[in-house]
Protein backbone atom coordinates (compact mmCIF):
# COMPACT_ATOMS: atom_id res chain seq x y z
CA MET A 1 0.00 0.00 0.00
CA GLU A 2 2.87 2.36 0.83
CA ASN A 3 4.24 1.90 -2.67
CA LEU A 4 0.94 2.80 -4.34
CA ARG A 5 0.21 5.84 -2.17
CA ASN A 6 3.52 7.42 -3.11
CA LYS A 7 3.26 6.75 -6.85
CA SER A 8 2.09 9.58 -9.05
CA VAL A 9 -1.48 9.43 -10.36
CA GLY A 10 -0.33 9.90 -13.95
CA GLU A 11 2.26 7.12 -13.67
CA LEU A 12 -0.35 4.62 -12.47
CA VAL A 13 -2.70 5.48 -15.34
CA LYS A 14 0.21 5.21 -17.76
CA LEU A 15 0.96 1.70 -16.46
CA ASP A 16 -2.68 0.57 -16.44
CA PHE A 17 -5.27 2.73 -18.21
CA ARG A 18 -8.06 1.13 -16.16
CA ALA A 19 -6.79 3.18 -13.21
CA ALA A 20 -8.30 6.21 -14.97
CA ASP A 21 -11.78 4.90 -14.17
CA VAL A 22 -10.85 4.45 -10.51
CA PHE A 23 -9.54 7.99 -10.20
CA SER A 24 -12.51 9.42 -12.13
CA SER A 25 -14.96 7.70 -9.79
CA TYR A 26 -13.41 9.59 -6.87
CA GLY A 27 -13.17 12.91 -8.71
CA ILE A 28 -9.37 12.76 -8.90
CA ASP A 29 -7.74 14.56 -11.82
CA PHE A 30 -5.31 12.13 -13.48
CA CYS A 31 -4.45 14.31 -16.50
CA CYS A 32 -3.50 17.88 -15.55
CA GLY A 33 -3.11 16.82 -11.92
CA GLY A 34 -1.31 13.60 -12.77
CA LYS A 35 2.08 14.59 -11.38
CA ILE A 36 1.08 14.44 -7.71
CA SER A 37 1.06 11.26 -5.59
CA VAL A 38 -2.02 9.19 -4.84
CA ALA A 39 -1.82 10.31 -1.20
CA GLU A 40 -1.71 13.98 -2.21
CA ALA A 41 -4.54 13.54 -4.72
CA CYS A 42 -6.77 11.85 -2.14
CA ALA A 43 -6.08 14.58 0.41
CA SER A 44 -6.83 17.29 -2.15
CA SER A 45 -10.06 15.63 -3.30
CA GLY A 46 -11.20 14.75 0.20
CA CYS A 47 -11.69 11.07 -0.61
CA ASP A 48 -10.81 7.97 1.41
CA GLU A 49 -7.21 7.06 0.55
CA GLN A 50 -7.59 3.44 1.66
CA LYS A 51 -10.64 2.92 -0.56
CA VAL A 52 -8.86 4.40 -3.58
CA ILE A 53 -5.79 2.22 -3.03
CA SER A 54 -7.98 -0.84 -2.49
CA ASP A 55 -9.71 -0.22 -5.83
CA LEU A 56 -6.34 0.25 -7.55
CA GLU A 57 -5.03 -2.99 -6.07
CA ALA A 58 -8.19 -4.81 -7.20
CA LEU A 59 -7.28 -4.05 -10.84
CA GLN A 60 -4.39 -6.49 -10.56
CA HIS A 61 -6.83 -9.35 -9.87
CA GLN A 62 -9.47 -8.46 -12.45
CA ALA A 63 -9.78 -10.39 -15.68
CA GLY A 64 -8.80 -8.62 -18.86
CA SER A 65 -5.98 -6.34 -19.79
CA ALA A 66 -5.19 -2.67 -19.46
CA ALA A 67 -6.64 -2.10 -22.94
CA HIS A 68 -3.99 -0.43 -25.08
CA ASP A 69 -0.45 -0.32 -23.76
CA PHE A 70 0.00 3.31 -24.78
CA ASP A 71 3.34 3.59 -23.03
CA SER A 72 4.89 1.04 -25.40
CA TRP A 73 3.77 2.79 -28.58
CA LYS A 74 6.11 4.87 -30.73
CA ILE A 75 5.25 8.50 -30.27
CA ASP A 76 4.48 9.19 -33.92
CA PHE A 77 1.88 6.41 -33.81
CA LEU A 78 0.53 7.73 -30.51
CA SER A 79 0.15 11.23 -31.96
CA ASP A 80 -1.84 9.79 -34.87
CA TYR A 81 -4.01 7.86 -32.41
CA ILE A 82 -4.73 11.04 -30.46
CA ILE A 83 -5.80 12.83 -33.63
CA ASN A 84 -7.90 9.97 -34.99
CA THR A 85 -9.55 9.16 -31.66
CA HIS A 86 -9.68 12.19 -29.40
CA HIS A 87 -9.39 15.11 -31.80
CA GLN A 88 -12.07 13.62 -34.02
CA TYR A 89 -14.29 13.02 -31.00
CA VAL A 90 -13.98 16.65 -29.89
CA THR A 91 -14.59 17.97 -33.41
CA LYS A 92 -17.67 15.76 -33.83
CA THR A 93 -19.15 16.29 -30.36
CA ILE A 94 -18.86 20.06 -29.90
CA PRO A 95 -21.56 20.76 -32.56
CA GLN A 96 -23.81 18.25 -30.78
CA ILE A 97 -23.40 19.75 -27.31
CA LEU A 98 -23.57 23.47 -28.14
CA PRO A 99 -27.19 23.56 -29.38
CA LEU A 100 -28.28 21.39 -26.45
CA ALA A 101 -26.58 23.75 -23.99
CA GLN A 102 -28.13 26.78 -25.70
CA LYS A 103 -31.63 25.30 -25.63
CA VAL A 104 -31.37 24.31 -21.96
CA ALA A 105 -30.07 27.77 -21.06
CA GLU A 106 -32.95 29.44 -22.90
CA VAL A 107 -35.69 27.18 -21.50
CA HIS A 108 -34.45 26.55 -17.95
CA GLY A 109 -32.14 29.48 -17.27
CA ALA A 110 -34.78 31.47 -15.38
CA HIS A 111 -35.10 28.79 -12.68
CA HIS A 112 -31.64 27.21 -12.99
CA SER A 113 -29.23 30.08 -13.60
CA GLU A 114 -26.25 27.69 -13.56
CA VAL A 115 -27.17 26.34 -17.01
CA VAL A 116 -26.60 29.79 -18.53
CA VAL A 117 -23.08 29.81 -17.08
CA ILE A 118 -22.57 26.23 -18.26
CA TYR A 119 -23.45 27.26 -21.80
CA ASP A 120 -21.02 30.19 -21.71
CA LEU A 121 -18.24 28.06 -20.23
CA PHE A 122 -18.68 25.28 -22.77
CA GLN A 123 -18.55 27.81 -25.61
CA GLN A 124 -15.24 29.06 -24.20
CA LEU A 125 -13.90 25.52 -23.80
CA ALA A 126 -14.97 24.57 -27.33
CA ASN A 127 -13.30 27.57 -28.94
CA GLU A 128 -10.07 27.04 -27.03
CA LEU A 129 -9.94 23.31 -27.76
CA LEU A 130 -10.46 23.75 -31.49
CA MET A 131 -7.59 26.25 -31.69
CA HIS A 132 -5.46 24.08 -29.43
CA MET A 133 -5.92 20.97 -31.55
CA GLN A 134 -5.17 22.88 -34.73
CA LYS A 135 -1.81 23.97 -33.30
CA GLU A 136 -1.01 20.40 -32.34
CA GLU A 137 -1.93 19.01 -35.74
CA MET A 138 -0.15 21.71 -37.75
CA VAL A 139 2.95 22.33 -35.62
CA LEU A 140 3.68 20.07 -32.67
CA PHE A 141 2.72 16.62 -33.96
CA PRO A 142 4.52 17.04 -37.32
CA TYR A 143 7.59 18.08 -35.33
CA ILE A 144 7.30 14.92 -33.24
CA LYS A 145 7.17 12.86 -36.43
CA LYS A 146 10.29 14.64 -37.64
CA LEU A 147 12.08 13.61 -34.45
CA VAL A 148 11.03 9.98 -34.88
CA ALA A 149 12.23 10.03 -38.50
CA ALA A 150 15.56 11.50 -37.35
CA GLU A 151 15.90 8.71 -34.79
CA SER A 152 15.28 6.08 -37.48
CA ALA A 153 17.77 7.71 -39.85
CA GLY A 154 20.36 8.09 -37.13
CA SER A 155 20.65 11.85 -37.72
CA CYS A 156 18.78 14.92 -38.89
CA ASN A 157 20.22 17.40 -41.36
CA ASP A 158 17.41 19.89 -40.72
CA PRO A 159 18.44 22.18 -37.82
CA SER A 160 14.78 22.74 -36.97
CA CYS A 161 14.76 19.18 -35.63
CA PHE A 162 16.42 20.21 -32.41
CA GLY A 163 16.13 22.35 -29.35
CA THR A 164 12.62 23.76 -29.61
CA ILE A 165 10.03 21.16 -28.63
CA ALA A 166 9.93 22.07 -24.93
CA SER A 167 8.55 25.51 -25.81
CA PRO A 168 5.42 24.42 -27.76
CA ILE A 169 4.85 21.61 -25.24
CA SER A 170 4.88 24.16 -22.41
CA VAL A 171 2.20 26.17 -24.24
CA MET A 172 0.07 23.05 -24.81
CA GLU A 173 0.34 22.09 -21.13
CA GLN A 174 -0.74 25.57 -20.05
CA GLU A 175 -3.76 25.30 -22.34
CA HIS A 176 -4.53 21.90 -20.85
CA GLU A 177 -4.51 23.54 -17.41
CA THR A 178 -7.04 26.11 -18.63
CA ALA A 179 -9.27 23.35 -20.02
CA GLY A 180 -8.99 21.46 -16.74
CA ILE A 181 -10.14 24.52 -14.78
CA ILE A 182 -13.19 24.90 -17.02
CA LEU A 183 -14.03 21.20 -16.64
CA LYS A 184 -13.95 21.55 -12.86
CA GLN A 185 -16.28 24.54 -13.07
CA LEU A 186 -18.69 22.61 -15.29
CA TYR A 187 -18.62 19.66 -12.89
CA ARG A 188 -19.30 21.87 -9.88
CA LEU A 189 -22.07 23.92 -11.52
CA SER A 190 -23.86 20.78 -12.73
CA ASP A 191 -23.53 19.02 -9.36
CA GLY A 192 -21.48 16.28 -10.97
CA TYR A 193 -23.72 16.27 -14.07
CA SER A 194 -26.76 15.37 -11.96
CA ALA A 195 -29.87 16.83 -13.56
CA PRO A 196 -32.53 18.26 -11.21
CA GLU A 197 -35.90 16.59 -10.77
CA ASP A 198 -37.68 19.04 -13.07
CA ALA A 199 -35.17 18.52 -15.91
CA CYS A 200 -36.54 17.70 -19.35
CA ASN A 201 -35.01 15.05 -21.62
CA THR A 202 -32.84 17.62 -23.41
CA TYR A 203 -31.49 18.78 -20.04
CA ARG A 204 -30.61 15.20 -19.09
CA VAL A 205 -29.05 14.44 -22.48
CA LEU A 206 -26.92 17.59 -22.17
CA TYR A 207 -25.52 16.52 -18.80
CA GLY A 208 -24.87 13.02 -20.10
CA LYS A 209 -23.00 14.43 -23.10
CA LEU A 210 -20.97 16.78 -20.89
CA LYS A 211 -19.96 13.89 -18.64
CA GLU A 212 -18.88 11.85 -21.67
CA PHE A 213 -16.97 14.86 -23.01
CA GLU A 214 -15.16 15.32 -19.72
CA ASP A 215 -14.18 11.64 -19.54
CA ASP A 216 -12.78 11.71 -23.06
CA LEU A 217 -10.87 14.95 -22.49
CA HIS A 218 -9.31 13.60 -19.31
CA ARG A 219 -7.98 10.59 -21.24
CA HIS A 220 -6.91 12.82 -24.14
CA ILE A 221 -4.89 15.16 -21.90
CA HIS A 222 -3.41 12.25 -19.95
CA LEU A 223 -1.99 10.68 -23.11
CA GLU A 224 -0.33 13.96 -24.03
CA ASN A 225 0.84 15.26 -20.64
CA ASN A 226 1.99 11.98 -19.13
CA ILE A 227 3.18 9.94 -22.12
CA LEU A 228 3.56 11.79 -25.44
CA PHE A 229 5.13 15.04 -24.27
CA PRO A 230 7.72 13.60 -21.85
CA LYS A 231 8.81 11.05 -24.45
CA ALA A 232 9.10 13.68 -27.17
CA ILE A 233 11.30 15.85 -24.94
CA GLU A 234 13.40 12.80 -24.03
CA LEU A 235 13.84 11.83 -27.69
CA GLU A 236 14.91 15.33 -28.71
CA GLN A 237 17.45 15.45 -25.88
CA ALA A 238 18.82 12.04 -26.90
CA LEU A 239 19.24 13.20 -30.50
CA LEU A 240 21.02 16.34 -29.35
CA VAL A 241 23.79 14.39 -27.60
CA GLU A 242 24.41 11.99 -30.48
């Protein structure tokens, strides 16, 4: 138990992606907040540390695997996976959620003022994510592929291969932090995406969609912050010393 409580949240999810569901069930941030220990995360979230550790230990005895072993993938392949899975999900889902949020705000805003704020916050999150993903797809991920190609070739004649990746990664991580703050606000305002008793079907569908969106974004950011970005920085540094 001592070993688990001192491991970082992000490291545990990296080793076994099923741990993400455990942390999510206790409201523990495993993406932007993935660098802190399990003990620190439990204290911050106000949840029972022993229960969290017990659930993590139970994963070792459950049938099945940890789904994809993302940590073993080459980072160019992982970047493509992120685009094809998570970027596409965000691009497809934002136009589904926005009209739902607008309708709920218009119909229920007078009696549930929080849904008006939720609509505004999701608009902000959507706009920022779309710009964020465009920067990744046009700048950062192609650069990562260039590094992988340089590793395969044993060298890189293009000086732009080296010495710059930490800067765009720092910007992406800051934008992840901003997205994480908005997600926490949405979670709090919606009472954990629990619709009130007088909610209509559209209201309930909206909260279900927002919960699904949050879950996907947590996994999306985890793959970048805790696996892709550190490995890209490590690869660039290795190429620099060769």
